[in-house]
């Protein structure tokens, strides 16, 4: 079963959840804010897609960080530390489908993913 990770009030997460429902795709939802995220899971994601796509540098959480804290995020371990400390900085949604992982929501990307 697919697992969608994010924050329920995020507009992009809402769009992804709606798309999955409209296309009959059963999925479990994991709320970063309430359920957290662990280092092992983040390390696995980083292995699959790299740390850069996972850190949302366009989002409010990143922009509110002190510039010195932003400057400390230079590699996978520093990015994981930040994501553990501030789960809202993770680009949303993150969709796990089998051994595949997508970050963000694009309908065509989701369509390709469920076709495999």
PDB file of N, CA and C in Angstrom:
ATOM      1  N   UNK A   1       0.836  -1.185   0.000  1.00  0.00           N
ATOM      2  CA  UNK A   1       0.000   0.000   0.000  1.00  0.00           C
ATOM      3  C   UNK A   1       0.881   1.249   0.000  1.00  0.00           C
ATOM      4  N   UNK A   2       0.419   2.259  -0.679  1.00  0.00           N
ATOM      5  CA  UNK A   2       1.136   3.534  -0.726  1.00  0.00           C
ATOM      6  C   UNK A   2       1.043   4.235   0.622  1.00  0.00           C
ATOM      7  N   UNK A   3       2.079   5.006   0.904  1.00  0.00           N
ATOM      8  CA  UNK A   3       2.077   5.804   2.121  1.00  0.00           C
ATOM      9  C   UNK A   3       2.426   7.238   1.739  1.00  0.00           C
ATOM     10  N   UNK A   4       1.533   8.152   2.086  1.00  0.00           N
ATOM     11  CA  UNK A   4       1.717   9.566   1.787  1.00  0.00           C
ATOM     12  C   UNK A   4       2.080  10.284   3.078  1.00  0.00           C
ATOM     13  N   UNK A   5       3.205  10.990   3.041  1.00  0.00           N
ATOM     14  CA  UNK A   5       3.698  11.707   4.216  1.00  0.00           C
ATOM     15  C   UNK A   5       3.527  13.202   3.989  1.00  0.00           C
ATOM     16  N   UNK A   6       3.084  13.895   5.019  1.00  0.00           N
ATOM     17  CA  UNK A   6       2.941  15.336   4.902  1.00  0.00           C
ATOM     18  C   UNK A   6       2.237  15.937   6.096  1.00  0.00           C
ATOM     19  N   UNK A   7       1.659  17.093   5.875  1.00  0.00           N
ATOM     20  CA  UNK A   7       0.918  17.827   6.886  1.00  0.00           C
ATOM     21  C   UNK A   7      -0.479  18.049   6.315  1.00  0.00           C
ATOM     22  N   UNK A   8      -1.532  17.679   7.060  1.00  0.00           N
ATOM     23  CA  UNK A   8      -2.871  17.685   6.482  1.00  0.00           C
ATOM     24  C   UNK A   8      -3.372  19.036   5.980  1.00  0.00           C
ATOM     25  N   UNK A   9      -2.925  20.135   6.557  1.00  0.00           N
ATOM     26  CA  UNK A   9      -3.432  21.438   6.108  1.00  0.00           C
ATOM     27  C   UNK A   9      -2.620  22.047   4.971  1.00  0.00           C
ATOM     28  N   UNK A  10      -1.598  21.351   4.490  1.00  0.00           N
ATOM     29  CA  UNK A  10      -0.779  21.812   3.363  1.00  0.00           C
ATOM     30  C   UNK A  10      -1.590  21.662   2.068  1.00  0.00           C
ATOM     31  N   UNK A  11      -1.684  22.731   1.291  1.00  0.00           N
ATOM     32  CA  UNK A  11      -2.469  22.692   0.051  1.00  0.00           C
ATOM     33  C   UNK A  11      -1.975  21.630  -0.926  1.00  0.00           C
ATOM     34  N   UNK A  12      -0.675  21.473  -1.042  1.00  0.00           N
ATOM     35  CA  UNK A  12      -0.129  20.487  -1.975  1.00  0.00           C
ATOM     36  C   UNK A  12      -0.450  19.070  -1.514  1.00  0.00           C
ATOM     37  N   UNK A  13      -0.401  18.842  -0.220  1.00  0.00           N
ATOM     38  CA  UNK A  13      -0.767  17.527   0.323  1.00  0.00           C
ATOM     39  C   UNK A  13      -2.248  17.261   0.065  1.00  0.00           C
ATOM     40  N   UNK A  14      -3.083  18.267   0.247  1.00  0.00           N
ATOM     41  CA  UNK A  14      -4.518  18.120  -0.024  1.00  0.00           C
ATOM     42  C   UNK A  14      -4.752  17.728  -1.484  1.00  0.00           C
ATOM     43  N   UNK A  15      -4.034  18.376  -2.397  1.00  0.00           N
ATOM     44  CA  UNK A  15      -4.170  18.056  -3.823  1.00  0.00           C
ATOM     45  C   UNK A  15      -3.749  16.618  -4.102  1.00  0.00           C
ATOM     46  N   UNK A  16      -2.630  16.195  -3.495  1.00  0.00           N
ATOM     47  CA  UNK A  16      -2.141  14.829  -3.707  1.00  0.00           C
ATOM     48  C   UNK A  16      -3.122  13.808  -3.157  1.00  0.00           C
ATOM     49  N   UNK A  17      -3.654  14.056  -1.971  1.00  0.00           N
ATOM     50  CA  UNK A  17      -4.619  13.130  -1.376  1.00  0.00           C
ATOM     51  C   UNK A  17      -5.874  13.045  -2.241  1.00  0.00           C
ATOM     52  N   UNK A  18      -6.348  14.184  -2.723  1.00  0.00           N
ATOM     53  CA  UNK A  18      -7.531  14.195  -3.597  1.00  0.00           C
ATOM     54  C   UNK A  18      -7.257  13.417  -4.872  1.00  0.00           C
ATOM     55  N   UNK A  19      -6.088  13.642  -5.478  1.00  0.00           N
ATOM     56  CA  UNK A  19      -5.740  12.950  -6.715  1.00  0.00           C
ATOM     57  C   UNK A  19      -5.735  11.440  -6.487  1.00  0.00           C
ATOM     58  N   UNK A  20      -5.088  10.999  -5.416  1.00  0.00           N
ATOM     59  CA  UNK A  20      -5.031   9.563  -5.128  1.00  0.00           C
ATOM     60  C   UNK A  20      -6.436   8.995  -4.936  1.00  0.00           C
ATOM     61  N   UNK A  21      -7.268   9.711  -4.185  1.00  0.00           N
ATOM     62  CA  UNK A  21      -8.642   9.247  -3.965  1.00  0.00           C
ATOM     63  C   UNK A  21      -9.441   9.200  -5.265  1.00  0.00           C
ATOM     64  N   UNK A  22      -9.311  10.242  -6.085  1.00  0.00           N
ATOM     65  CA  UNK A  22     -10.042  10.292  -7.360  1.00  0.00           C
ATOM     66  C   UNK A  22      -9.621   9.183  -8.315  1.00  0.00           C
ATOM     67  N   UNK A  23      -8.396   8.707  -8.159  1.00  0.00           N
ATOM     68  CA  UNK A  23      -7.888   7.650  -9.034  1.00  0.00           C
ATOM     69  C   UNK A  23      -7.936   6.274  -8.361  1.00  0.00           C
ATOM     70  N   UNK A  24      -8.697   6.184  -7.275  1.00  0.00           N
ATOM     71  CA  UNK A  24      -8.912   4.893  -6.623  1.00  0.00           C
ATOM     72  C   UNK A  24      -7.678   4.276  -6.012  1.00  0.00           C
ATOM     73  N   UNK A  25      -6.751   5.101  -5.572  1.00  0.00           N
ATOM     74  CA  UNK A  25      -5.502   4.597  -5.018  1.00  0.00           C
ATOM     75  C   UNK A  25      -5.543   4.605  -3.489  1.00  0.00           C
ATOM     76  N   UNK A  26      -5.673   3.418  -2.915  1.00  0.00           N
ATOM     77  CA  UNK A  26      -5.670   3.300  -1.458  1.00  0.00           C
ATOM     78  C   UNK A  26      -4.298   3.718  -0.940  1.00  0.00           C
ATOM     79  N   UNK A  27      -4.306   4.460   0.135  1.00  0.00           N
ATOM     80  CA  UNK A  27      -3.039   4.912   0.708  1.00  0.00           C
ATOM     81  C   UNK A  27      -3.216   5.204   2.186  1.00  0.00           C
ATOM     82  N   UNK A  28      -2.117   5.116   2.891  1.00  0.00           N
ATOM     83  CA  UNK A  28      -2.072   5.472   4.302  1.00  0.00           C
ATOM     84  C   UNK A  28      -1.492   6.878   4.379  1.00  0.00           C
ATOM     85  N   UNK A  29      -1.992   7.695   5.302  1.00  0.00           N
ATOM     86  CA  UNK A  29      -1.466   9.042   5.466  1.00  0.00           C
ATOM     87  C   UNK A  29      -0.681   9.128   6.767  1.00  0.00           C
ATOM     88  N   UNK A  30       0.525   9.687   6.678  1.00  0.00           N
ATOM     89  CA  UNK A  30       1.389   9.880   7.840  1.00  0.00           C
ATOM     90  C   UNK A  30       1.585  11.377   8.040  1.00  0.00           C
ATOM     91  N   UNK A  31       1.133  11.876   9.178  1.00  0.00           N
ATOM     92  CA  UNK A  31       1.208  13.296   9.522  1.00  0.00           C
ATOM     93  C   UNK A  31       2.531  13.588  10.231  1.00  0.00           C
ATOM     94  N   UNK A  32       3.422  14.327   9.551  1.00  0.00           N
ATOM     95  CA  UNK A  32       4.724  14.689  10.136  1.00  0.00           C
ATOM     96  C   UNK A  32       4.568  15.380  11.490  1.00  0.00           C
ATOM     97  N   UNK A  33       3.603  16.287  11.574  1.00  0.00           N
ATOM     98  CA  UNK A  33       3.440  17.095  12.785  1.00  0.00           C
ATOM     99  C   UNK A  33       3.032  16.245  13.978  1.00  0.00           C
ATOM    100  N   UNK A  34       2.075  15.357  13.776  1.00  0.00           N
ATOM    101  CA  UNK A  34       1.556  14.564  14.892  1.00  0.00           C
ATOM    102  C   UNK A  34       2.338  13.290  15.131  1.00  0.00           C
ATOM    103  N   UNK A  35       2.773  12.630  14.055  1.00  0.00           N
ATOM    104  CA  UNK A  35       3.425  11.335  14.186  1.00  0.00           C
ATOM    105  C   UNK A  35       4.941  11.408  14.088  1.00  0.00           C
ATOM    106  N   UNK A  36       5.459  12.551  13.703  1.00  0.00           N
ATOM    107  CA  UNK A  36       6.905  12.710  13.593  1.00  0.00           C
ATOM    108  C   UNK A  36       7.493  11.970  12.410  1.00  0.00           C
ATOM    109  N   UNK A  37       8.795  11.975  12.368  1.00  0.00           N
ATOM    110  CA  UNK A  37       9.556  11.280  11.334  1.00  0.00           C
ATOM    111  C   UNK A  37      10.861  10.846  11.996  1.00  0.00           C
ATOM    112  N   UNK A  38      11.374   9.687  11.632  1.00  0.00           N
ATOM    113  CA  UNK A  38      12.582   9.229  12.324  1.00  0.00           C
ATOM    114  C   UNK A  38      13.808   9.248  11.413  1.00  0.00           C
ATOM    115  N   UNK A  39      14.965   9.208  12.060  1.00  0.00           N
ATOM    116  CA  UNK A  39      16.247   9.333  11.358  1.00  0.00           C
ATOM    117  C   UNK A  39      16.459   8.206  10.353  1.00  0.00           C
ATOM    118  N   UNK A  40      16.049   6.998  10.691  1.00  0.00           N
ATOM    119  CA  UNK A  40      16.234   5.863   9.790  1.00  0.00           C
ATOM    120  C   UNK A  40      15.426   6.056   8.514  1.00  0.00           C
ATOM    121  N   UNK A  41      14.196   6.503   8.682  1.00  0.00           N
ATOM    122  CA  UNK A  41      13.339   6.755   7.530  1.00  0.00           C
ATOM    123  C   UNK A  41      13.931   7.859   6.651  1.00  0.00           C
ATOM    124  N   UNK A  42      14.352   8.951   7.269  1.00  0.00           N
ATOM    125  CA  UNK A  42      14.953  10.050   6.504  1.00  0.00           C
ATOM    126  C   UNK A  42      16.211   9.595   5.774  1.00  0.00           C
ATOM    127  N   UNK A  43      17.031   8.802   6.440  1.00  0.00           N
ATOM    128  CA  UNK A  43      18.258   8.298   5.794  1.00  0.00           C
ATOM    129  C   UNK A  43      17.910   7.459   4.565  1.00  0.00           C
ATOM    130  N   UNK A  44      16.858   6.652   4.664  1.00  0.00           N
ATOM    131  CA  UNK A  44      16.413   5.856   3.516  1.00  0.00           C
ATOM    132  C   UNK A  44      15.945   6.731   2.368  1.00  0.00           C
ATOM    133  N   UNK A  45      15.202   7.785   2.706  1.00  0.00           N
ATOM    134  CA  UNK A  45      14.739   8.710   1.670  1.00  0.00           C
ATOM    135  C   UNK A  45      15.915   9.402   1.004  1.00  0.00           C
ATOM    136  N   UNK A  46      16.872   9.837   1.811  1.00  0.00           N
ATOM    137  CA  UNK A  46      18.057  10.522   1.274  1.00  0.00           C
ATOM    138  C   UNK A  46      18.820   9.591   0.336  1.00  0.00           C
ATOM    139  N   UNK A  47      18.901   8.318   0.687  1.00  0.00           N
ATOM    140  CA  UNK A  47      19.576   7.342  -0.172  1.00  0.00           C
ATOM    141  C   UNK A  47      18.874   7.246  -1.531  1.00  0.00           C
ATOM    142  N   UNK A  48      17.544   7.318  -1.529  1.00  0.00           N
ATOM    143  CA  UNK A  48      16.780   7.170  -2.771  1.00  0.00           C
ATOM    144  C   UNK A  48      16.786   8.424  -3.640  1.00  0.00           C
ATOM    145  N   UNK A  49      16.626   9.610  -3.020  1.00  0.00           N
ATOM    146  CA  UNK A  49      16.451  10.823  -3.835  1.00  0.00           C
ATOM    147  C   UNK A  49      17.469  11.928  -3.560  1.00  0.00           C
ATOM    148  N   UNK A  50      18.332  11.728  -2.559  1.00  0.00           N
ATOM    149  CA  UNK A  50      19.270  12.782  -2.181  1.00  0.00           C
ATOM    150  C   UNK A  50      18.629  13.706  -1.147  1.00  0.00           C
ATOM    151  N   UNK A  51      19.433  14.487  -0.468  1.00  0.00           N
ATOM    152  CA  UNK A  51      18.876  15.351   0.579  1.00  0.00           C
ATOM    153  C   UNK A  51      18.310  16.649   0.027  1.00  0.00           C
ATOM    154  N   UNK A  52      18.840  17.136  -1.077  1.00  0.00           N
ATOM    155  CA  UNK A  52      18.413  18.425  -1.617  1.00  0.00           C
ATOM    156  C   UNK A  52      16.919  18.492  -1.953  1.00  0.00           C
ATOM    157  N   UNK A  53      16.356  17.469  -2.624  1.00  0.00           N
ATOM    158  CA  UNK A  53      14.922  17.551  -2.936  1.00  0.00           C
ATOM    159  C   UNK A  53      14.030  17.506  -1.689  1.00  0.00           C
ATOM    160  N   UNK A  54      14.537  16.971  -0.600  1.00  0.00           N
ATOM    161  CA  UNK A  54      13.734  16.827   0.611  1.00  0.00           C
ATOM    162  C   UNK A  54      13.666  18.092   1.457  1.00  0.00           C
ATOM    163  N   UNK A  55      14.649  18.962   1.326  1.00  0.00           N
ATOM    164  CA  UNK A  55      14.670  20.198   2.116  1.00  0.00           C
ATOM    165  C   UNK A  55      13.992  21.301   1.299  1.00  0.00           C
ATOM    166  N   UNK A  56      12.856  21.763   1.783  1.00  0.00           N
ATOM    167  CA  UNK A  56      12.073  22.775   1.070  1.00  0.00           C
ATOM    168  C   UNK A  56      12.612  24.172   1.383  1.00  0.00           C
ATOM    169  N   UNK A  57      13.512  24.634   0.532  1.00  0.00           N
ATOM    170  CA  UNK A  57      14.121  25.954   0.742  1.00  0.00           C
ATOM    171  C   UNK A  57      13.217  27.093   0.274  1.00  0.00           C
ATOM    172  N   UNK A  58      12.067  26.752  -0.303  1.00  0.00           N
ATOM    173  CA  UNK A  58      11.109  27.780  -0.713  1.00  0.00           C
ATOM    174  C   UNK A  58      10.037  28.018   0.351  1.00  0.00           C
ATOM    175  N   UNK A  59       9.972  27.143   1.327  1.00  0.00           N
ATOM    176  CA  UNK A  59       8.897  27.191   2.306  1.00  0.00           C
ATOM    177  C   UNK A  59       9.127  28.160   3.449  1.00  0.00           C
ATOM    178  N   UNK A  60       8.060  28.413   4.168  1.00  0.00           N
ATOM    179  CA  UNK A  60       8.070  29.335   5.301  1.00  0.00           C
ATOM    180  C   UNK A  60       9.022  28.874   6.401  1.00  0.00           C
ATOM    181  N   UNK A  61       9.031  27.586   6.696  1.00  0.00           N
ATOM    182  CA  UNK A  61       9.884  27.080   7.778  1.00  0.00           C
ATOM    183  C   UNK A  61      11.348  27.394   7.491  1.00  0.00           C
ATOM    184  N   UNK A  62      11.796  27.156   6.270  1.00  0.00           N
ATOM    185  CA  UNK A  62      13.182  27.446   5.892  1.00  0.00           C
ATOM    186  C   UNK A  62      13.470  28.946   5.994  1.00  0.00           C
ATOM    187  N   UNK A  63      12.562  29.744   5.465  1.00  0.00           N
ATOM    188  CA  UNK A  63      12.784  31.197   5.450  1.00  0.00           C
ATOM    189  C   UNK A  63      12.816  31.790   6.855  1.00  0.00           C
ATOM    190  N   UNK A  64      12.148  31.139   7.801  1.00  0.00           N
ATOM    191  CA  UNK A  64      12.142  31.634   9.180  1.00  0.00           C
ATOM    192  C   UNK A  64      13.400  31.237   9.950  1.00  0.00           C
ATOM    193  N   UNK A  65      14.164  30.308   9.399  1.00  0.00           N
ATOM    194  CA  UNK A  65      15.396  29.895  10.070  1.00  0.00           C
ATOM    195  C   UNK A  65      16.425  31.021  10.032  1.00  0.00           C
ATOM    196  N   UNK A  66      17.219  31.089  11.071  1.00  0.00           N
ATOM    197  CA  UNK A  66      18.325  32.031  11.114  1.00  0.00           C
ATOM    198  C   UNK A  66      19.280  31.703   9.959  1.00  0.00           C
ATOM    199  N   UNK A  67      19.822  32.706   9.278  1.00  0.00           N
ATOM    200  CA  UNK A  67      20.745  32.432   8.167  1.00  0.00           C
ATOM    201  C   UNK A  67      21.929  31.540   8.564  1.00  0.00           C
ATOM    202  N   UNK A  68      22.383  31.667   9.788  1.00  0.00           N
ATOM    203  CA  UNK A  68      23.484  30.814  10.244  1.00  0.00           C
ATOM    204  C   UNK A  68      23.043  29.350  10.290  1.00  0.00           C
ATOM    205  N   UNK A  69      21.798  29.096  10.688  1.00  0.00           N
ATOM    206  CA  UNK A  69      21.270  27.728  10.738  1.00  0.00           C
ATOM    207  C   UNK A  69      21.101  27.193   9.317  1.00  0.00           C
ATOM    208  N   UNK A  70      20.623  28.031   8.412  1.00  0.00           N
ATOM    209  CA  UNK A  70      20.495  27.618   7.019  1.00  0.00           C
ATOM    210  C   UNK A  70      21.859  27.225   6.448  1.00  0.00           C
ATOM    211  N   UNK A  71      22.871  28.010   6.773  1.00  0.00           N
ATOM    212  CA  UNK A  71      24.215  27.772   6.243  1.00  0.00           C
ATOM    213  C   UNK A  71      24.817  26.464   6.740  1.00  0.00           C
ATOM    214  N   UNK A  72      24.290  25.930   7.826  1.00  0.00           N
ATOM    215  CA  UNK A  72      24.806  24.668   8.373  1.00  0.00           C
ATOM    216  C   UNK A  72      24.328  23.448   7.581  1.00  0.00           C
ATOM    217  N   UNK A  73      23.333  23.627   6.754  1.00  0.00           N
ATOM    218  CA  UNK A  73      22.777  22.504   5.986  1.00  0.00           C
ATOM    219  C   UNK A  73      23.575  22.365   4.690  1.00  0.00           C
ATOM    220  N   UNK A  74      24.554  21.476   4.739  1.00  0.00           N
ATOM    221  CA  UNK A  74      25.496  21.344   3.624  1.00  0.00           C
ATOM    222  C   UNK A  74      25.640  19.920   3.092  1.00  0.00           C
ATOM    223  N   UNK A  75      25.066  18.949   3.811  1.00  0.00           N
ATOM    224  CA  UNK A  75      25.197  17.554   3.389  1.00  0.00           C
ATOM    225  C   UNK A  75      24.043  16.742   3.967  1.00  0.00           C
ATOM    226  N   UNK A  76      24.062  15.449   3.697  1.00  0.00           N
ATOM    227  CA  UNK A  76      22.953  14.587   4.119  1.00  0.00           C
ATOM    228  C   UNK A  76      22.763  14.592   5.631  1.00  0.00           C
ATOM    229  N   UNK A  77      23.835  14.470   6.397  1.00  0.00           N
ATOM    230  CA  UNK A  77      23.658  14.381   7.850  1.00  0.00           C
ATOM    231  C   UNK A  77      23.142  15.689   8.441  1.00  0.00           C
ATOM    232  N   UNK A  78      23.605  16.823   7.937  1.00  0.00           N
ATOM    233  CA  UNK A  78      23.100  18.103   8.462  1.00  0.00           C
ATOM    234  C   UNK A  78      21.658  18.342   8.018  1.00  0.00           C
ATOM    235  N   UNK A  79      21.302  17.870   6.835  1.00  0.00           N
ATOM    236  CA  UNK A  79      19.919  18.002   6.358  1.00  0.00           C
ATOM    237  C   UNK A  79      18.988  17.118   7.190  1.00  0.00           C
ATOM    238  N   UNK A  80      19.415  15.895   7.478  1.00  0.00           N
ATOM    239  CA  UNK A  80      18.606  14.995   8.304  1.00  0.00           C
ATOM    240  C   UNK A  80      18.415  15.586   9.694  1.00  0.00           C
ATOM    241  N   UNK A  81      19.476  16.145  10.264  1.00  0.00           N
ATOM    242  CA  UNK A  81      19.362  16.776  11.587  1.00  0.00           C
ATOM    243  C   UNK A  81      18.316  17.890  11.569  1.00  0.00           C
ATOM    244  N   UNK A  82      18.336  18.714  10.531  1.00  0.00           N
ATOM    245  CA  UNK A  82      17.355  19.792  10.424  1.00  0.00           C
ATOM    246  C   UNK A  82      15.944  19.234  10.252  1.00  0.00           C
ATOM    247  N   UNK A  83      15.777  18.218   9.412  1.00  0.00           N
ATOM    248  CA  UNK A  83      14.448  17.652   9.181  1.00  0.00           C
ATOM    249  C   UNK A  83      13.887  16.996  10.442  1.00  0.00           C
ATOM    250  N   UNK A  84      14.761  16.427  11.272  1.00  0.00           N
ATOM    251  CA  UNK A  84      14.315  15.859  12.544  1.00  0.00           C
ATOM    252  C   UNK A  84      13.887  16.965  13.504  1.00  0.00           C
ATOM    253  N   UNK A  85      14.653  18.037  13.498  1.00  0.00           N
ATOM    254  CA  UNK A  85      14.389  19.180  14.368  1.00  0.00           C
ATOM    255  C   UNK A  85      13.153  19.962  13.922  1.00  0.00           C
ATOM    256  N   UNK A  86      12.984  20.113  12.608  1.00  0.00           N
ATOM    257  CA  UNK A  86      11.896  20.912  12.018  1.00  0.00           C
ATOM    258  C   UNK A  86      11.228  20.110  10.890  1.00  0.00           C
ATOM    259  N   UNK A  87      10.363  19.143  11.211  1.00  0.00           N
ATOM    260  CA  UNK A  87       9.751  18.328  10.150  1.00  0.00           C
ATOM    261  C   UNK A  87       9.013  19.149   9.084  1.00  0.00           C
ATOM    262  N   UNK A  88       8.573  20.345   9.434  1.00  0.00           N
ATOM    263  CA  UNK A  88       7.863  21.178   8.451  1.00  0.00           C
ATOM    264  C   UNK A  88       8.766  21.639   7.317  1.00  0.00           C
ATOM    265  N   UNK A  89      10.079  21.490   7.457  1.00  0.00           N
ATOM    266  CA  UNK A  89      10.992  21.894   6.387  1.00  0.00           C
ATOM    267  C   UNK A  89      11.069  20.835   5.282  1.00  0.00           C
ATOM    268  N   UNK A  90      10.493  19.666   5.521  1.00  0.00           N
ATOM    269  CA  UNK A  90      10.501  18.607   4.506  1.00  0.00           C
ATOM    270  C   UNK A  90       9.525  18.983   3.400  1.00  0.00           C
ATOM    271  N   UNK A  91      10.008  18.921   2.164  1.00  0.00           N
ATOM    272  CA  UNK A  91       9.139  19.212   1.013  1.00  0.00           C
ATOM    273  C   UNK A  91       8.019  18.181   0.990  1.00  0.00           C
ATOM    274  N   UNK A  92       6.825  18.670   0.754  1.00  0.00           N
ATOM    275  CA  UNK A  92       5.653  17.811   0.835  1.00  0.00           C
ATOM    276  C   UNK A  92       4.904  17.780  -0.500  1.00  0.00           C
ATOM    277  N   UNK A  93       4.180  16.677  -0.660  1.00  0.00           N
ATOM    278  CA  UNK A  93       4.180  15.435   0.102  1.00  0.00           C
ATOM    279  C   UNK A  93       5.310  14.512  -0.337  1.00  0.00           C
ATOM    280  N   UNK A  94       5.567  13.523   0.493  1.00  0.00           N
ATOM    281  CA  UNK A  94       6.487  12.447   0.143  1.00  0.00           C
ATOM    282  C   UNK A  94       5.623  11.202  -0.011  1.00  0.00           C
ATOM    283  N   UNK A  95       5.707  10.576  -1.177  1.00  0.00           N
ATOM    284  CA  UNK A  95       4.893   9.394  -1.447  1.00  0.00           C
ATOM    285  C   UNK A  95       5.796   8.184  -1.621  1.00  0.00           C
ATOM    286  N   UNK A  96       5.541   7.171  -0.797  1.00  0.00           N
ATOM    287  CA  UNK A  96       6.245   5.898  -0.907  1.00  0.00           C
ATOM    288  C   UNK A  96       5.303   4.914  -1.601  1.00  0.00           C
ATOM    289  N   UNK A  97       5.801   4.308  -2.670  1.00  0.00           N
ATOM    290  CA  UNK A  97       5.023   3.308  -3.404  1.00  0.00           C
ATOM    291  C   UNK A  97       5.983   2.187  -3.766  1.00  0.00           C
ATOM    292  N   UNK A  98       5.892   1.101  -3.014  1.00  0.00           N
ATOM    293  CA  UNK A  98       6.850   0.013  -3.201  1.00  0.00           C
ATOM    294  C   UNK A  98       8.247   0.521  -2.893  1.00  0.00           C
ATOM    295  N   UNK A  99       9.157   0.335  -3.837  1.00  0.00           N
ATOM    296  CA  UNK A  99      10.526   0.814  -3.618  1.00  0.00           C
ATOM    297  C   UNK A  99      10.747   2.197  -4.229  1.00  0.00           C
ATOM    298  N   UNK A 100       9.668   2.816  -4.713  1.00  0.00           N
ATOM    299  CA  UNK A 100       9.784   4.141  -5.323  1.00  0.00           C
ATOM    300  C   UNK A 100       9.388   5.230  -4.339  1.00  0.00           C
ATOM    301  N   UNK A 101       9.988   6.396  -4.524  1.00  0.00           N
ATOM    302  CA  UNK A 101       9.721   7.537  -3.659  1.00  0.00           C
ATOM    303  C   UNK A 101       9.621   8.786  -4.520  1.00  0.00           C
ATOM    304  N   UNK A 102       8.562   9.567  -4.305  1.00  0.00           N
ATOM    305  CA  UNK A 102       8.439  10.841  -5.001  1.00  0.00           C
ATOM    306  C   UNK A 102       8.296  11.945  -3.962  1.00  0.00           C
ATOM    307  N   UNK A 103       8.835  13.091  -4.292  1.00  0.00           N
ATOM    308  CA  UNK A 103       8.783  14.254  -3.413  1.00  0.00           C
ATOM    309  C   UNK A 103       8.073  15.368  -4.162  1.00  0.00           C
ATOM    310  N   UNK A 104       7.056  15.958  -3.525  1.00  0.00           N
ATOM    311  CA  UNK A 104       6.249  16.967  -4.187  1.00  0.00           C
ATOM    312  C   UNK A 104       5.088  16.292  -4.901  1.00  0.00           C
ATOM    313  N   UNK A 105       4.244  17.092  -5.527  1.00  0.00           N
ATOM    314  CA  UNK A 105       3.092  16.530  -6.233  1.00  0.00           C
ATOM    315  C   UNK A 105       2.982  17.103  -7.631  1.00  0.00           C
ATOM    316  N   UNK A 106       2.997  16.187  -8.589  1.00  0.00           N
ATOM    317  CA  UNK A 106       2.723  16.507  -9.982  1.00  0.00           C
ATOM    318  C   UNK A 106       1.839  15.381 -10.494  1.00  0.00           C
ATOM    319  N   UNK A 107       0.641  15.707 -10.980  1.00  0.00           N
ATOM    320  CA  UNK A 107      -0.279  14.655 -11.418  1.00  0.00           C
ATOM    321  C   UNK A 107       0.329  13.672 -12.411  1.00  0.00           C
ATOM    322  N   UNK A 108       1.116  14.161 -13.388  1.00  0.00           N
ATOM    323  CA  UNK A 108       1.690  13.251 -14.376  1.00  0.00           C
ATOM    324  C   UNK A 108       2.691  12.290 -13.743  1.00  0.00           C
ATOM    325  N   UNK A 109       3.420  12.780 -12.746  1.00  0.00           N
ATOM    326  CA  UNK A 109       4.384  11.934 -12.033  1.00  0.00           C
ATOM    327  C   UNK A 109       3.642  10.838 -11.257  1.00  0.00           C
ATOM    328  N   UNK A 110       2.555  11.198 -10.591  1.00  0.00           N
ATOM    329  CA  UNK A 110       1.757  10.219  -9.862  1.00  0.00           C
ATOM    330  C   UNK A 110       1.148   9.206 -10.828  1.00  0.00           C
ATOM    331  N   UNK A 111       0.676   9.651 -11.967  1.00  0.00           N
ATOM    332  CA  UNK A 111       0.088   8.751 -12.962  1.00  0.00           C
ATOM    333  C   UNK A 111       1.119   7.721 -13.442  1.00  0.00           C
ATOM    334  N   UNK A 112       2.334   8.172 -13.697  1.00  0.00           N
ATOM    335  CA  UNK A 112       3.402   7.245 -14.102  1.00  0.00           C
ATOM    336  C   UNK A 112       3.712   6.260 -12.974  1.00  0.00           C
ATOM    337  N   UNK A 113       3.721   6.751 -11.757  1.00  0.00           N
ATOM    338  CA  UNK A 113       4.044   5.921 -10.610  1.00  0.00           C
ATOM    339  C   UNK A 113       3.030   4.789 -10.432  1.00  0.00           C
ATOM    340  N   UNK A 114       1.741   5.099 -10.531  1.00  0.00           N
ATOM    341  CA  UNK A 114       0.735   4.049 -10.312  1.00  0.00           C
ATOM    342  C   UNK A 114       0.619   3.115 -11.510  1.00  0.00           C
ATOM    343  N   UNK A 115       1.131   3.539 -12.661  1.00  0.00           N
ATOM    344  CA  UNK A 115       1.087   2.687 -13.838  1.00  0.00           C
ATOM    345  C   UNK A 115       2.141   1.578 -13.773  1.00  0.00           C
ATOM    346  N   UNK A 116       3.134   1.748 -12.901  1.00  0.00           N
ATOM    347  CA  UNK A 116       4.204   0.754 -12.812  1.00  0.00           C
ATOM    348  C   UNK A 116       3.883  -0.353 -11.842  1.00  0.00           C
TER     349      UNK A 116
END
